[in-house]
Amino acid sequence: IIAGQVGIAGHLTIADNTTIGAQAGVIGNVRKSGEKLLGMPAIDINNYMRSYAVFRRNGK
């Protein structure tokens, strides 16, 4: 699944059952099937959510 406004650089390979969230930027091959990616550059959803929580906490 590729959501809206996703940017994909060049001729990349994206594994089966991959989900790429809205406005993500994929800059490298996605080799692992079933992966869920968010952000720019696109990273695993678990790492993205962890980073988001840290930035929200430190931003106040």
PDB file of N, CA and C in Angstrom:
ATOM      1  N   ILE A   1       0.863  -1.170   0.000  1.00  0.00           N
ATOM      2  CA  ILE A   1       0.000   0.000   0.000  1.00  0.00           C
ATOM      3  C   ILE A   1       0.905   1.228   0.000  1.00  0.00           C
ATOM      4  N   ILE A   2       0.634   2.132  -0.894  1.00  0.00           N
ATOM      5  CA  ILE A   2       1.366   3.392  -0.950  1.00  0.00           C
ATOM      6  C   ILE A   2       0.342   4.511  -0.788  1.00  0.00           C
ATOM      7  N   ALA A   3       0.450   5.246   0.310  1.00  0.00           N
ATOM      8  CA  ALA A   3      -0.506   6.312   0.617  1.00  0.00           C
ATOM      9  C   ALA A   3      -0.227   7.549  -0.238  1.00  0.00           C
ATOM     10  N   GLY A   4      -1.032   8.573  -0.039  1.00  0.00           N
ATOM     11  CA  GLY A   4      -0.924   9.791  -0.832  1.00  0.00           C
ATOM     12  C   GLY A   4       0.341  10.591  -0.589  1.00  0.00           C
ATOM     13  N   GLN A   5       0.793  11.279  -1.614  1.00  0.00           N
ATOM     14  CA  GLN A   5       1.942  12.175  -1.598  1.00  0.00           C
ATOM     15  C   GLN A   5       3.233  11.499  -1.147  1.00  0.00           C
ATOM     16  N   VAL A   6       3.404  10.233  -1.462  1.00  0.00           N
ATOM     17  CA  VAL A   6       4.644   9.519  -1.153  1.00  0.00           C
ATOM     18  C   VAL A   6       5.640   9.786  -2.267  1.00  0.00           C
ATOM     19  N   GLY A   7       6.894  10.032  -1.882  1.00  0.00           N
ATOM     20  CA  GLY A   7       7.964  10.211  -2.856  1.00  0.00           C
ATOM     21  C   GLY A   7       8.849   8.980  -2.866  1.00  0.00           C
ATOM     22  N   ILE A   8       9.111   8.445  -4.042  1.00  0.00           N
ATOM     23  CA  ILE A   8       9.976   7.273  -4.178  1.00  0.00           C
ATOM     24  C   ILE A   8      11.096   7.640  -5.141  1.00  0.00           C
ATOM     25  N   ALA A   9      12.337   7.555  -4.650  1.00  0.00           N
ATOM     26  CA  ALA A   9      13.498   7.948  -5.450  1.00  0.00           C
ATOM     27  C   ALA A   9      13.899   6.842  -6.414  1.00  0.00           C
ATOM     28  N   GLY A  10      14.051   7.211  -7.662  1.00  0.00           N
ATOM     29  CA  GLY A  10      14.645   6.325  -8.657  1.00  0.00           C
ATOM     30  C   GLY A  10      14.007   4.964  -8.823  1.00  0.00           C
ATOM     31  N   HIS A  11      14.805   4.041  -9.283  1.00  0.00           N
ATOM     32  CA  HIS A  11      14.363   2.675  -9.578  1.00  0.00           C
ATOM     33  C   HIS A  11      14.625   1.798  -8.364  1.00  0.00           C
ATOM     34  N   LEU A  12      13.696   1.784  -7.422  1.00  0.00           N
ATOM     35  CA  LEU A  12      13.859   1.034  -6.179  1.00  0.00           C
ATOM     36  C   LEU A  12      13.037  -0.238  -6.198  1.00  0.00           C
ATOM     37  N   THR A  13      13.448  -1.181  -5.362  1.00  0.00           N
ATOM     38  CA  THR A  13      12.701  -2.415  -5.157  1.00  0.00           C
ATOM     39  C   THR A  13      11.944  -2.287  -3.844  1.00  0.00           C
ATOM     40  N   ILE A  14      10.636  -2.531  -3.885  1.00  0.00           N
ATOM     41  CA  ILE A  14       9.803  -2.486  -2.685  1.00  0.00           C
ATOM     42  C   ILE A  14       9.185  -3.861  -2.509  1.00  0.00           C
ATOM     43  N   ALA A  15       9.433  -4.478  -1.345  1.00  0.00           N
ATOM     44  CA  ALA A  15       8.975  -5.839  -1.068  1.00  0.00           C
ATOM     45  C   ALA A  15       7.451  -5.920  -1.018  1.00  0.00           C
ATOM     46  N   ASP A  16       6.942  -7.129  -1.168  1.00  0.00           N
ATOM     47  CA  ASP A  16       5.503  -7.378  -1.092  1.00  0.00           C
ATOM     48  C   ASP A  16       4.963  -7.005   0.286  1.00  0.00           C
ATOM     49  N   ASN A  17       3.691  -6.640   0.330  1.00  0.00           N
ATOM     50  CA  ASN A  17       2.957  -6.332   1.564  1.00  0.00           C
ATOM     51  C   ASN A  17       3.577  -5.192   2.365  1.00  0.00           C
ATOM     52  N   THR A  18       4.254  -4.274   1.706  1.00  0.00           N
ATOM     53  CA  THR A  18       4.835  -3.108   2.369  1.00  0.00           C
ATOM     54  C   THR A  18       3.789  -1.999   2.416  1.00  0.00           C
ATOM     55  N   THR A  19       3.724  -1.300   3.551  1.00  0.00           N
ATOM     56  CA  THR A  19       2.835  -0.153   3.703  1.00  0.00           C
ATOM     57  C   THR A  19       3.698   1.089   3.885  1.00  0.00           C
ATOM     58  N   ILE A  20       3.464   2.084   3.045  1.00  0.00           N
ATOM     59  CA  ILE A  20       4.201   3.341   3.125  1.00  0.00           C
ATOM     60  C   ILE A  20       3.194   4.436   3.432  1.00  0.00           C
ATOM     61  N   GLY A  21       3.366   5.085   4.584  1.00  0.00           N
ATOM     62  CA  GLY A  21       2.426   6.100   5.043  1.00  0.00           C
ATOM     63  C   GLY A  21       2.493   7.386   4.244  1.00  0.00           C
ATOM     64  N   ALA A  22       1.454   8.196   4.374  1.00  0.00           N
ATOM     65  CA  ALA A  22       1.318   9.447   3.625  1.00  0.00           C
ATOM     66  C   ALA A  22       2.516  10.365   3.823  1.00  0.00           C
ATOM     67  N   GLN A  23       2.933  11.008   2.752  1.00  0.00           N
ATOM     68  CA  GLN A  23       4.006  11.989   2.700  1.00  0.00           C
ATOM     69  C   GLN A  23       5.372  11.425   3.086  1.00  0.00           C
ATOM     70  N   ALA A  24       5.534  10.114   3.049  1.00  0.00           N
ATOM     71  CA  ALA A  24       6.835   9.507   3.341  1.00  0.00           C
ATOM     72  C   ALA A  24       7.747   9.652   2.135  1.00  0.00           C
ATOM     73  N   GLY A  25       9.043   9.571   2.391  1.00  0.00           N
ATOM     74  CA  GLY A  25      10.030   9.644   1.322  1.00  0.00           C
ATOM     75  C   GLY A  25      10.902   8.407   1.339  1.00  0.00           C
ATOM     76  N   VAL A  26      10.753   7.555   0.354  1.00  0.00           N
ATOM     77  CA  VAL A  26      11.521   6.309   0.284  1.00  0.00           C
ATOM     78  C   VAL A  26      12.768   6.582  -0.550  1.00  0.00           C
ATOM     79  N   ILE A  27      13.956   6.428   0.067  1.00  0.00           N
ATOM     80  CA  ILE A  27      15.203   6.734  -0.628  1.00  0.00           C
ATOM     81  C   ILE A  27      16.086   5.509  -0.835  1.00  0.00           C
ATOM     82  N   GLY A  28      15.614   4.350  -0.383  1.00  0.00           N
ATOM     83  CA  GLY A  28      16.377   3.117  -0.559  1.00  0.00           C
ATOM     84  C   GLY A  28      15.445   1.938  -0.755  1.00  0.00           C
ATOM     85  N   ASN A  29      16.012   0.812  -1.156  1.00  0.00           N
ATOM     86  CA  ASN A  29      15.216  -0.399  -1.366  1.00  0.00           C
ATOM     87  C   ASN A  29      14.576  -0.867  -0.068  1.00  0.00           C
ATOM     88  N   VAL A  30      13.376  -1.414  -0.162  1.00  0.00           N
ATOM     89  CA  VAL A  30      12.679  -2.016   0.973  1.00  0.00           C
ATOM     90  C   VAL A  30      12.696  -3.516   0.722  1.00  0.00           C
ATOM     91  N   ARG A  31      13.506  -4.235   1.455  1.00  0.00           N
ATOM     92  CA  ARG A  31      13.716  -5.663   1.199  1.00  0.00           C
ATOM     93  C   ARG A  31      12.856  -6.576   2.076  1.00  0.00           C
ATOM     94  N   LYS A  32      12.412  -6.058   3.227  1.00  0.00           N
ATOM     95  CA  LYS A  32      11.678  -6.880   4.189  1.00  0.00           C
ATOM     96  C   LYS A  32      10.177  -6.821   3.897  1.00  0.00           C
ATOM     97  N   SER A  33       9.570  -7.965   3.637  1.00  0.00           N
ATOM     98  CA  SER A  33       8.143  -8.036   3.335  1.00  0.00           C
ATOM     99  C   SER A  33       7.311  -7.668   4.564  1.00  0.00           C
ATOM    100  N   GLY A  34       6.229  -6.947   4.346  1.00  0.00           N
ATOM    101  CA  GLY A  34       5.313  -6.603   5.427  1.00  0.00           C
ATOM    102  C   GLY A  34       5.743  -5.407   6.253  1.00  0.00           C
ATOM    103  N   GLU A  35       6.765  -4.703   5.835  1.00  0.00           N
ATOM    104  CA  GLU A  35       7.260  -3.562   6.596  1.00  0.00           C
ATOM    105  C   GLU A  35       6.296  -2.380   6.492  1.00  0.00           C
ATOM    106  N   LYS A  36       6.249  -1.565   7.562  1.00  0.00           N
ATOM    107  CA  LYS A  36       5.420  -0.359   7.592  1.00  0.00           C
ATOM    108  C   LYS A  36       6.352   0.821   7.801  1.00  0.00           C
ATOM    109  N   LEU A  37       6.305   1.782   6.879  1.00  0.00           N
ATOM    110  CA  LEU A  37       7.243   2.895   6.885  1.00  0.00           C
ATOM    111  C   LEU A  37       6.524   4.235   6.969  1.00  0.00           C
ATOM    112  N   LEU A  38       7.151   5.176   7.685  1.00  0.00           N
ATOM    113  CA  LEU A  38       6.643   6.542   7.812  1.00  0.00           C
ATOM    114  C   LEU A  38       7.812   7.514   7.779  1.00  0.00           C
ATOM    115  N   GLY A  39       7.543   8.765   7.457  1.00  0.00           N
ATOM    116  CA  GLY A  39       8.523   9.832   7.592  1.00  0.00           C
ATOM    117  C   GLY A  39       9.403  10.069   6.383  1.00  0.00           C
ATOM    118  N   MET A  40      10.297  11.059   6.557  1.00  0.00           N
ATOM    119  CA  MET A  40      11.264  11.396   5.517  1.00  0.00           C
ATOM    120  C   MET A  40      12.618  11.565   6.161  1.00  0.00           C
ATOM    121  N   PRO A  41      13.552  10.690   5.903  1.00  0.00           N
ATOM    122  CA  PRO A  41      13.437   9.507   5.055  1.00  0.00           C
ATOM    123  C   PRO A  41      12.550   8.459   5.717  1.00  0.00           C
ATOM    124  N   ALA A  42      11.934   7.629   4.922  1.00  0.00           N
ATOM    125  CA  ALA A  42      11.014   6.611   5.437  1.00  0.00           C
ATOM    126  C   ALA A  42      11.764   5.627   6.332  1.00  0.00           C
ATOM    127  N   ILE A  43      11.256   5.451   7.556  1.00  0.00           N
ATOM    128  CA  ILE A  43      11.829   4.501   8.508  1.00  0.00           C
ATOM    129  C   ILE A  43      10.710   3.632   9.057  1.00  0.00           C
ATOM    130  N   ASP A  44      11.093   2.555   9.721  1.00  0.00           N
ATOM    131  CA  ASP A  44      10.138   1.628  10.321  1.00  0.00           C
ATOM    132  C   ASP A  44       9.197   2.377  11.262  1.00  0.00           C
ATOM    133  N   ILE A  45       7.933   2.004  11.261  1.00  0.00           N
ATOM    134  CA  ILE A  45       6.915   2.717  12.044  1.00  0.00           C
ATOM    135  C   ILE A  45       7.240   2.742  13.540  1.00  0.00           C
ATOM    136  N   ASN A  46       7.828   1.677  14.077  1.00  0.00           N
ATOM    137  CA  ASN A  46       8.167   1.651  15.503  1.00  0.00           C
ATOM    138  C   ASN A  46       9.242   2.687  15.828  1.00  0.00           C
ATOM    139  N   ASN A  47      10.274   2.779  15.002  1.00  0.00           N
ATOM    140  CA  ASN A  47      11.310   3.793  15.206  1.00  0.00           C
ATOM    141  C   ASN A  47      10.750   5.198  15.031  1.00  0.00           C
ATOM    142  N   TYR A  48       9.869   5.368  14.067  1.00  0.00           N
ATOM    143  CA  TYR A  48       9.259   6.671  13.825  1.00  0.00           C
ATOM    144  C   TYR A  48       8.462   7.128  15.047  1.00  0.00           C
ATOM    145  N   MET A  49       7.638   6.260  15.596  1.00  0.00           N
ATOM    146  CA  MET A  49       6.804   6.629  16.744  1.00  0.00           C
ATOM    147  C   MET A  49       7.662   6.922  17.976  1.00  0.00           C
ATOM    148  N   ARG A  50       8.727   6.163  18.168  1.00  0.00           N
ATOM    149  CA  ARG A  50       9.636   6.395  19.288  1.00  0.00           C
ATOM    150  C   ARG A  50      10.304   7.772  19.146  1.00  0.00           C
ATOM    151  N   SER A  51      10.774   8.082  17.954  1.00  0.00           N
ATOM    152  CA  SER A  51      11.410   9.382  17.702  1.00  0.00           C
ATOM    153  C   SER A  51      10.411  10.518  17.881  1.00  0.00           C
ATOM    154  N   TYR A  52       9.212  10.327  17.388  1.00  0.00           N
ATOM    155  CA  TYR A  52       8.166  11.338  17.510  1.00  0.00           C
ATOM    156  C   TYR A  52       7.883  11.653  18.982  1.00  0.00           C
ATOM    157  N   ALA A  53       7.806  10.615  19.816  1.00  0.00           N
ATOM    158  CA  ALA A  53       7.539  10.808  21.241  1.00  0.00           C
ATOM    159  C   ALA A  53       8.668  11.597  21.906  1.00  0.00           C
ATOM    160  N   VAL A  54       9.906  11.296  21.556  1.00  0.00           N
ATOM    161  CA  VAL A  54      11.050  12.012  22.127  1.00  0.00           C
ATOM    162  C   VAL A  54      11.019  13.480  21.716  1.00  0.00           C
ATOM    163  N   PHE A  55      10.769  13.756  20.447  1.00  0.00           N
ATOM    164  CA  PHE A  55      10.728  15.139  19.975  1.00  0.00           C
ATOM    165  C   PHE A  55       9.589  15.916  20.629  1.00  0.00           C
ATOM    166  N   ARG A  56       8.446  15.294  20.796  1.00  0.00           N
ATOM    167  CA  ARG A  56       7.311  15.964  21.442  1.00  0.00           C
ATOM    168  C   ARG A  56       7.643  16.286  22.896  1.00  0.00           C
ATOM    169  N   ARG A  57       8.271  15.339  23.588  1.00  0.00           N
ATOM    170  CA  ARG A  57       8.605  15.521  24.998  1.00  0.00           C
ATOM    171  C   ARG A  57       9.658  16.624  25.173  1.00  0.00           C
ATOM    172  N   ASN A  58      10.657  16.656  24.317  1.00  0.00           N
ATOM    173  CA  ASN A  58      11.746  17.624  24.444  1.00  0.00           C
ATOM    174  C   ASN A  58      11.403  18.989  23.862  1.00  0.00           C
ATOM    175  N   GLY A  59      10.340  19.067  23.100  1.00  0.00           N
ATOM    176  CA  GLY A  59       9.967  20.324  22.466  1.00  0.00           C
ATOM    177  C   GLY A  59       9.239  21.293  23.376  1.00  0.00           C
ATOM    178  N   LYS A  60       8.852  20.855  24.558  1.00  0.00           N
ATOM    179  CA  LYS A  60       8.062  21.714  25.457  1.00  0.00           C
ATOM    180  C   LYS A  60       8.927  22.432  26.455  1.00  0.00           C
TER     181      LYS A  60
END
